[in-house]
Amino acid sequence: MAPPSPSVAVPPPVLRALQHLHRHLHEALSLGDLARAAGVSSFHLQREFKRATGHTPAQRVRLLRLKRASLRLCLEPARPVTELAFDAGYENAESFTRAFRRALGQSPREFRRAPDWWRWRALFSFPFSPEVASMPVEIVNFPDTPVALVQHLGSTADVYEAKRRLVEWRRAHRLPPGSAATYGIHHDMRLQAESGYRVDLAVAYGQPVVPNPQGVVAGLIPGGRCARVRHQGSREHMPAVHELYAEWLPASGERLRDFPPFFHYLNVGPDVAEHEMLTDIYLPLQG
């Protein structure tokens, strides 16, 4: 398994603006607000933000709100489109639908029914997201953990379809976020792949898993020694993974066990802001 690629540094004023933007996404945001948070002029921020991210600050705000709304469409099927439109900052469902169709090529209802994950991934896989510096690496003993999991094998763009199936199964079994630990078992660490990409999305579950329409099956995360580091920020951009593989592992003298790295998603659900996402990254070790 090849280690993940390193991340690219974000210019400090742009990083400060991104951090402010993510923390206040639910509020009205102006270029002046972001420039004050970044400590630079509005002109300087507009130019540097576009150069670093490919978007203006206003475009990034609109995209982040559409991203949040699109995930809620899929993962919360009972939530009305009108409510999502208001949450995303639109005055009515009609203007939200027009913006959604322009961005994703589907209406909100079409996306809810059959999402085009390839287009979604291309639009919302941002090169930069704000992160908090990773915590120190710890050596821990992880216990044997029975899980219910859905296996994904295909492209990186289609992972959210597997996530949606697991959410449906959890809902049917009354396992809301926070009631049972959620994991991702990463057999492949590539950030982008058109085929052959494998990840198992899992929830801790100690009971038999009966056949079900979502394709969820029983599995096990085996116990043993692991290196663990905590990441705070977007789960699509986790530099701590590269640091574990490329820096900590060679210097530690440890050897990898025959089980892939896995992530414990400490807070899950479409209402969790990206800058507040907490993920414990586990690297299974021998011994």
Protein backbone atom coordinates (compact mmCIF):
# COMPACT_ATOMS: atom_id res chain seq x y z
CA MET A 1 0.00 0.00 0.00
CA ALA A 2 1.52 3.34 -1.05
CA PRO A 3 1.52 6.11 1.56
CA PRO A 4 -0.71 9.11 0.90
CA SER A 5 0.65 12.20 -0.77
CA PRO A 6 1.78 15.15 1.34
CA SER A 7 -0.35 18.25 1.49
CA VAL A 8 0.68 21.66 0.14
CA ALA A 9 1.09 24.60 2.52
CA VAL A 10 -1.64 27.24 2.48
CA PRO A 11 -0.56 30.92 2.65
CA PRO A 12 -1.22 32.09 6.25
CA PRO A 13 -3.73 34.88 5.40
CA VAL A 14 -5.71 32.45 3.23
CA LEU A 15 -5.64 29.84 5.99
CA ARG A 16 -6.93 32.37 8.53
CA ALA A 17 -9.71 33.38 6.14
CA LEU A 18 -10.63 29.73 5.53
CA GLN A 19 -10.75 29.04 9.26
CA HIS A 20 -13.02 32.04 9.86
CA LEU A 21 -15.19 31.08 6.89
CA HIS A 22 -15.71 27.52 8.12
CA ARG A 23 -16.48 28.61 11.68
CA HIS A 24 -19.07 31.19 10.56
CA LEU A 25 -20.54 29.47 7.52
CA HIS A 26 -24.06 29.75 8.98
CA GLU A 27 -23.72 33.55 9.25
CA ALA A 28 -23.70 36.37 6.70
CA LEU A 29 -20.09 36.71 5.51
CA SER A 30 -18.58 39.65 3.65
CA LEU A 31 -15.18 40.02 2.04
CA GLY A 32 -14.40 42.69 4.64
CA ASP A 33 -15.16 40.26 7.49
CA LEU A 34 -12.80 37.67 6.04
CA ALA A 35 -10.08 40.24 5.33
CA ARG A 36 -10.19 41.47 8.95
CA ALA A 37 -9.95 37.87 10.19
CA ALA A 38 -7.01 37.29 7.82
CA GLY A 39 -5.24 40.52 8.83
CA VAL A 40 -4.88 41.82 5.28
CA SER A 41 -6.75 44.18 2.95
CA SER A 42 -9.81 43.02 1.03
CA PHE A 43 -7.94 43.46 -2.26
CA HIS A 44 -4.98 41.38 -1.05
CA LEU A 45 -7.20 38.61 0.30
CA GLN A 46 -9.32 38.41 -2.86
CA ARG A 47 -6.20 38.07 -5.01
CA GLU A 48 -4.34 35.58 -2.77
CA PHE A 49 -7.41 33.49 -2.01
CA LYS A 50 -8.18 33.06 -5.71
CA ARG A 51 -4.53 32.29 -6.48
CA ALA A 52 -4.31 29.64 -3.73
CA THR A 53 -7.72 27.96 -3.99
CA GLY A 54 -9.04 28.68 -7.47
CA HIS A 55 -12.12 30.36 -5.96
CA THR A 56 -12.97 33.79 -4.67
CA PRO A 57 -14.04 33.84 -1.02
CA ALA A 58 -17.68 34.33 -2.06
CA GLN A 59 -17.50 31.36 -4.43
CA ARG A 60 -16.03 29.15 -1.68
CA VAL A 61 -18.85 30.16 0.70
CA ARG A 62 -21.49 29.26 -1.88
CA LEU A 63 -19.82 25.93 -2.66
CA LEU A 64 -19.46 24.94 0.99
CA ARG A 65 -23.12 25.69 1.64
CA LEU A 66 -24.15 23.68 -1.43
CA LYS A 67 -21.91 20.82 -0.30
CA ARG A 68 -23.54 20.77 3.14
CA ALA A 69 -27.01 20.91 1.60
CA SER A 70 -26.23 18.09 -0.87
CA LEU A 71 -25.08 15.77 1.92
CA ARG A 72 -28.20 16.52 3.91
CA LEU A 73 -30.30 15.73 0.85
CA CYS A 74 -28.84 12.23 0.69
CA LEU A 75 -28.38 11.43 4.35
CA GLU A 76 -31.58 13.03 5.69
CA PRO A 77 -34.27 12.00 3.19
CA ALA A 78 -37.10 13.38 5.34
CA ARG A 79 -35.70 16.92 5.48
CA PRO A 80 -37.67 19.23 3.12
CA VAL A 81 -35.85 20.91 0.22
CA THR A 82 -37.26 24.29 1.31
CA GLU A 83 -35.61 23.95 4.72
CA LEU A 84 -32.28 23.06 3.10
CA ALA A 85 -32.62 26.09 0.81
CA PHE A 86 -33.02 28.44 3.78
CA ASP A 87 -30.10 26.79 5.62
CA ALA A 88 -27.90 27.33 2.54
CA GLY A 89 -28.71 31.05 2.47
CA TYR A 90 -31.27 31.10 -0.35
CA GLU A 91 -34.53 33.04 -0.13
CA ASN A 92 -36.66 30.24 -1.52
CA ALA A 93 -36.55 26.72 -2.92
CA GLU A 94 -36.67 27.96 -6.53
CA SER A 95 -33.44 29.99 -6.34
CA PHE A 96 -31.76 27.13 -4.44
CA THR A 97 -32.85 24.65 -7.13
CA ARG A 98 -31.46 26.85 -9.92
CA ALA A 99 -28.11 27.24 -8.17
CA PHE A 100 -27.98 23.54 -7.34
CA ARG A 101 -28.70 22.53 -10.94
CA ARG A 102 -26.08 24.94 -12.32
CA ALA A 103 -23.44 23.52 -10.00
CA LEU A 104 -24.30 19.80 -10.08
CA GLY A 105 -26.33 19.27 -13.25
CA GLN A 106 -29.25 17.85 -11.24
CA SER A 107 -32.12 19.31 -9.29
CA PRO A 108 -32.08 18.69 -5.52
CA ARG A 109 -34.79 16.04 -5.89
CA GLU A 110 -32.94 14.33 -8.74
CA PHE A 111 -29.74 14.34 -6.70
CA ARG A 112 -31.55 12.91 -3.67
CA ARG A 113 -32.91 10.08 -5.80
CA ALA A 114 -29.78 9.24 -7.85
CA PRO A 115 -26.72 11.40 -7.03
CA ASP A 116 -24.01 11.95 -9.63
CA TRP A 117 -21.11 11.37 -7.24
CA TRP A 118 -18.46 11.84 -9.93
CA ARG A 119 -19.58 15.41 -10.57
CA TRP A 120 -20.09 15.99 -6.83
CA ARG A 121 -16.55 14.87 -6.03
CA ALA A 122 -15.03 16.98 -8.81
CA LEU A 123 -16.86 20.07 -7.56
CA PHE A 124 -16.33 19.70 -3.82
CA SER A 125 -12.83 18.15 -3.50
CA PHE A 126 -11.16 21.41 -2.54
CA PRO A 127 -7.35 21.58 -2.62
CA PHE A 128 -7.21 23.39 0.73
CA SER A 129 -9.23 23.11 3.91
CA PRO A 130 -8.41 24.48 7.35
CA GLU A 131 -7.00 22.01 9.85
CA VAL A 132 -5.85 22.15 13.44
CA ALA A 133 -2.33 20.83 13.99
CA SER A 134 -2.33 17.09 14.69
CA MET A 135 -1.92 15.83 18.25
CA PRO A 136 1.17 13.76 19.22
CA VAL A 137 1.29 10.11 18.16
CA GLU A 138 0.35 7.61 20.89
CA ILE A 139 0.85 3.85 21.08
CA VAL A 140 -2.41 2.25 22.23
CA ASN A 141 -3.92 -1.23 22.50
CA PHE A 142 -7.07 -1.30 20.40
CA PRO A 143 -9.61 -3.98 21.44
CA ASP A 144 -11.24 -6.53 19.13
CA THR A 145 -14.23 -4.64 17.73
CA PRO A 146 -17.09 -6.44 15.94
CA VAL A 147 -18.62 -4.21 13.29
CA ALA A 148 -21.35 -4.07 10.69
CA LEU A 149 -19.82 -2.80 7.47
CA VAL A 150 -20.53 -1.95 3.87
CA GLN A 151 -17.72 -2.66 1.43
CA HIS A 152 -16.91 -0.16 -1.29
CA LEU A 153 -14.82 -1.22 -4.28
CA GLY A 154 -14.73 1.14 -7.24
CA SER A 155 -13.89 4.81 -7.59
CA THR A 156 -13.15 7.36 -4.90
CA ALA A 157 -16.03 9.43 -6.27
CA ASP A 158 -18.64 6.79 -5.36
CA VAL A 159 -17.74 6.40 -1.67
CA TYR A 160 -20.68 8.51 -0.57
CA GLU A 161 -23.08 5.99 -2.10
CA ALA A 162 -21.69 3.36 0.28
CA LYS A 163 -21.98 5.87 3.11
CA ARG A 164 -25.62 6.45 2.25
CA ARG A 165 -26.32 2.70 2.39
CA LEU A 166 -24.70 2.42 5.81
CA VAL A 167 -26.73 5.39 7.06
CA GLU A 168 -29.93 3.74 5.80
CA TRP A 169 -29.02 0.52 7.63
CA ARG A 170 -28.21 2.43 10.82
CA ARG A 171 -31.50 4.25 10.63
CA ALA A 172 -33.39 0.98 10.19
CA HIS A 173 -31.59 -0.47 13.24
CA ARG A 174 -32.02 2.66 15.38
CA LEU A 175 -28.30 3.43 15.58
CA PRO A 176 -28.15 7.24 15.25
CA PRO A 177 -24.84 9.18 15.25
CA GLY A 178 -23.29 9.02 18.69
CA SER A 179 -24.92 5.71 19.65
CA ALA A 180 -22.17 3.49 18.17
CA ALA A 181 -18.63 4.16 16.97
CA THR A 182 -18.17 4.76 13.23
CA TYR A 183 -15.07 3.58 11.35
CA GLY A 184 -13.46 3.61 7.93
CA ILE A 185 -11.09 0.73 7.11
CA HIS A 186 -8.81 2.00 4.35
CA HIS A 187 -7.43 -0.79 2.18
CA ASP A 188 -6.34 1.87 -0.32
CA MET A 189 -4.91 5.28 0.62
CA ARG A 190 -5.14 6.91 -2.80
CA LEU A 191 -6.92 10.27 -2.78
CA GLN A 192 -8.31 9.84 -6.30
CA ALA A 193 -8.88 6.64 -8.26
CA GLU A 194 -11.27 5.74 -11.07
CA SER A 195 -11.39 2.05 -10.17
CA GLY A 196 -10.07 -0.54 -7.72
CA TYR A 197 -10.37 1.74 -4.69
CA ARG A 198 -11.46 -0.14 -1.56
CA VAL A 199 -12.69 1.14 1.77
CA ASP A 200 -15.00 -0.52 4.31
CA LEU A 201 -17.37 1.83 6.15
CA ALA A 202 -18.36 0.36 9.49
CA VAL A 203 -20.24 0.84 12.73
CA ALA A 204 -19.50 -1.00 15.98
CA TYR A 205 -22.12 -3.75 16.28
CA GLY A 206 -21.90 -6.86 18.42
CA GLN A 207 -25.02 -8.64 17.18
CA PRO A 208 -25.59 -10.93 14.18
CA VAL A 209 -26.07 -9.04 10.90
CA VAL A 210 -28.98 -10.50 8.96
CA PRO A 211 -29.22 -10.16 5.15
CA ASN A 212 -30.42 -6.69 4.23
CA PRO A 213 -31.07 -4.57 1.11
CA GLN A 214 -28.19 -2.22 1.91
CA GLY A 215 -25.59 -5.00 1.58
CA VAL A 216 -24.25 -4.52 5.12
CA VAL A 217 -22.29 -7.52 6.44
CA ALA A 218 -20.57 -8.51 9.69
CA GLY A 219 -16.86 -7.81 10.14
CA LEU A 220 -14.14 -7.38 12.74
CA ILE A 221 -11.46 -4.80 13.45
CA PRO A 222 -8.86 -7.01 15.17
CA GLY A 223 -7.33 -5.83 18.40
CA GLY A 224 -3.65 -5.10 18.89
CA ARG A 225 -1.02 -2.39 19.16
CA CYS A 226 -1.65 0.72 17.08
CA ALA A 227 -0.15 4.13 16.55
CA ARG A 228 -2.92 6.69 17.00
CA VAL A 229 -3.07 10.36 16.13
CA ARG A 230 -6.04 12.71 16.21
CA HIS A 231 -6.94 14.96 13.30
CA GLN A 232 -9.31 17.91 13.47
CA GLY A 233 -10.70 19.26 10.21
CA SER A 234 -11.97 18.04 6.85
CA ARG A 235 -11.84 14.29 6.30
CA GLU A 236 -11.00 14.81 2.64
CA HIS A 237 -7.71 16.50 3.56
CA MET A 238 -5.84 14.85 6.45
CA PRO A 239 -2.10 15.64 6.41
CA ALA A 240 -1.68 13.62 9.63
CA VAL A 241 -1.95 10.42 7.56
CA HIS A 242 1.10 11.35 5.49
CA GLU A 243 2.97 12.42 8.63
CA LEU A 244 2.34 9.01 10.21
CA TYR A 245 3.60 7.09 7.18
CA ALA A 246 6.40 9.28 5.91
CA GLU A 247 7.80 10.79 9.11
CA TRP A 248 6.74 9.01 12.29
CA LEU A 249 6.91 5.38 11.08
CA PRO A 250 10.50 5.43 9.69
CA ALA A 251 11.78 7.24 12.79
CA SER A 252 9.93 5.00 15.26
CA GLY A 253 11.47 1.66 14.30
CA GLU A 254 7.97 0.12 14.40
CA ARG A 255 6.73 -2.36 11.79
CA LEU A 256 3.25 -2.49 10.30
CA ARG A 257 0.83 -5.29 11.11
CA ASP A 258 -1.08 -7.13 8.37
CA PHE A 259 -4.23 -5.03 8.68
CA PRO A 260 -4.94 -1.76 6.91
CA PRO A 261 -5.05 1.62 8.65
CA PHE A 262 -8.46 2.56 9.97
CA PHE A 263 -10.11 5.78 11.05
CA HIS A 264 -12.48 6.30 13.97
CA TYR A 265 -14.86 9.12 13.07
CA LEU A 266 -15.57 10.61 16.49
CA ASN A 267 -18.39 12.88 15.32
CA VAL A 268 -20.49 12.08 12.26
CA GLY A 269 -23.55 13.40 10.46
CA PRO A 270 -24.29 16.13 7.92
CA ASP A 271 -24.65 18.77 10.64
CA VAL A 272 -21.02 18.44 11.78
CA ALA A 273 -19.04 21.38 10.39
CA GLU A 274 -15.88 20.38 8.53
CA HIS A 275 -13.58 22.36 10.83
CA GLU A 276 -15.11 20.55 13.85
CA MET A 277 -14.69 17.01 12.49
CA LEU A 278 -12.60 14.81 14.80
CA THR A 279 -10.91 11.67 13.49
CA ASP A 280 -8.62 9.24 15.28
CA ILE A 281 -6.24 7.66 12.76
CA TYR A 282 -4.97 4.17 13.68
CA LEU A 283 -1.91 2.49 12.17
CA PRO A 284 -1.82 -1.21 13.22
CA LEU A 285 1.64 -2.25 14.48
CA GLN A 286 3.37 -5.55 15.13
CA GLY A 287 4.16 -6.75 18.64
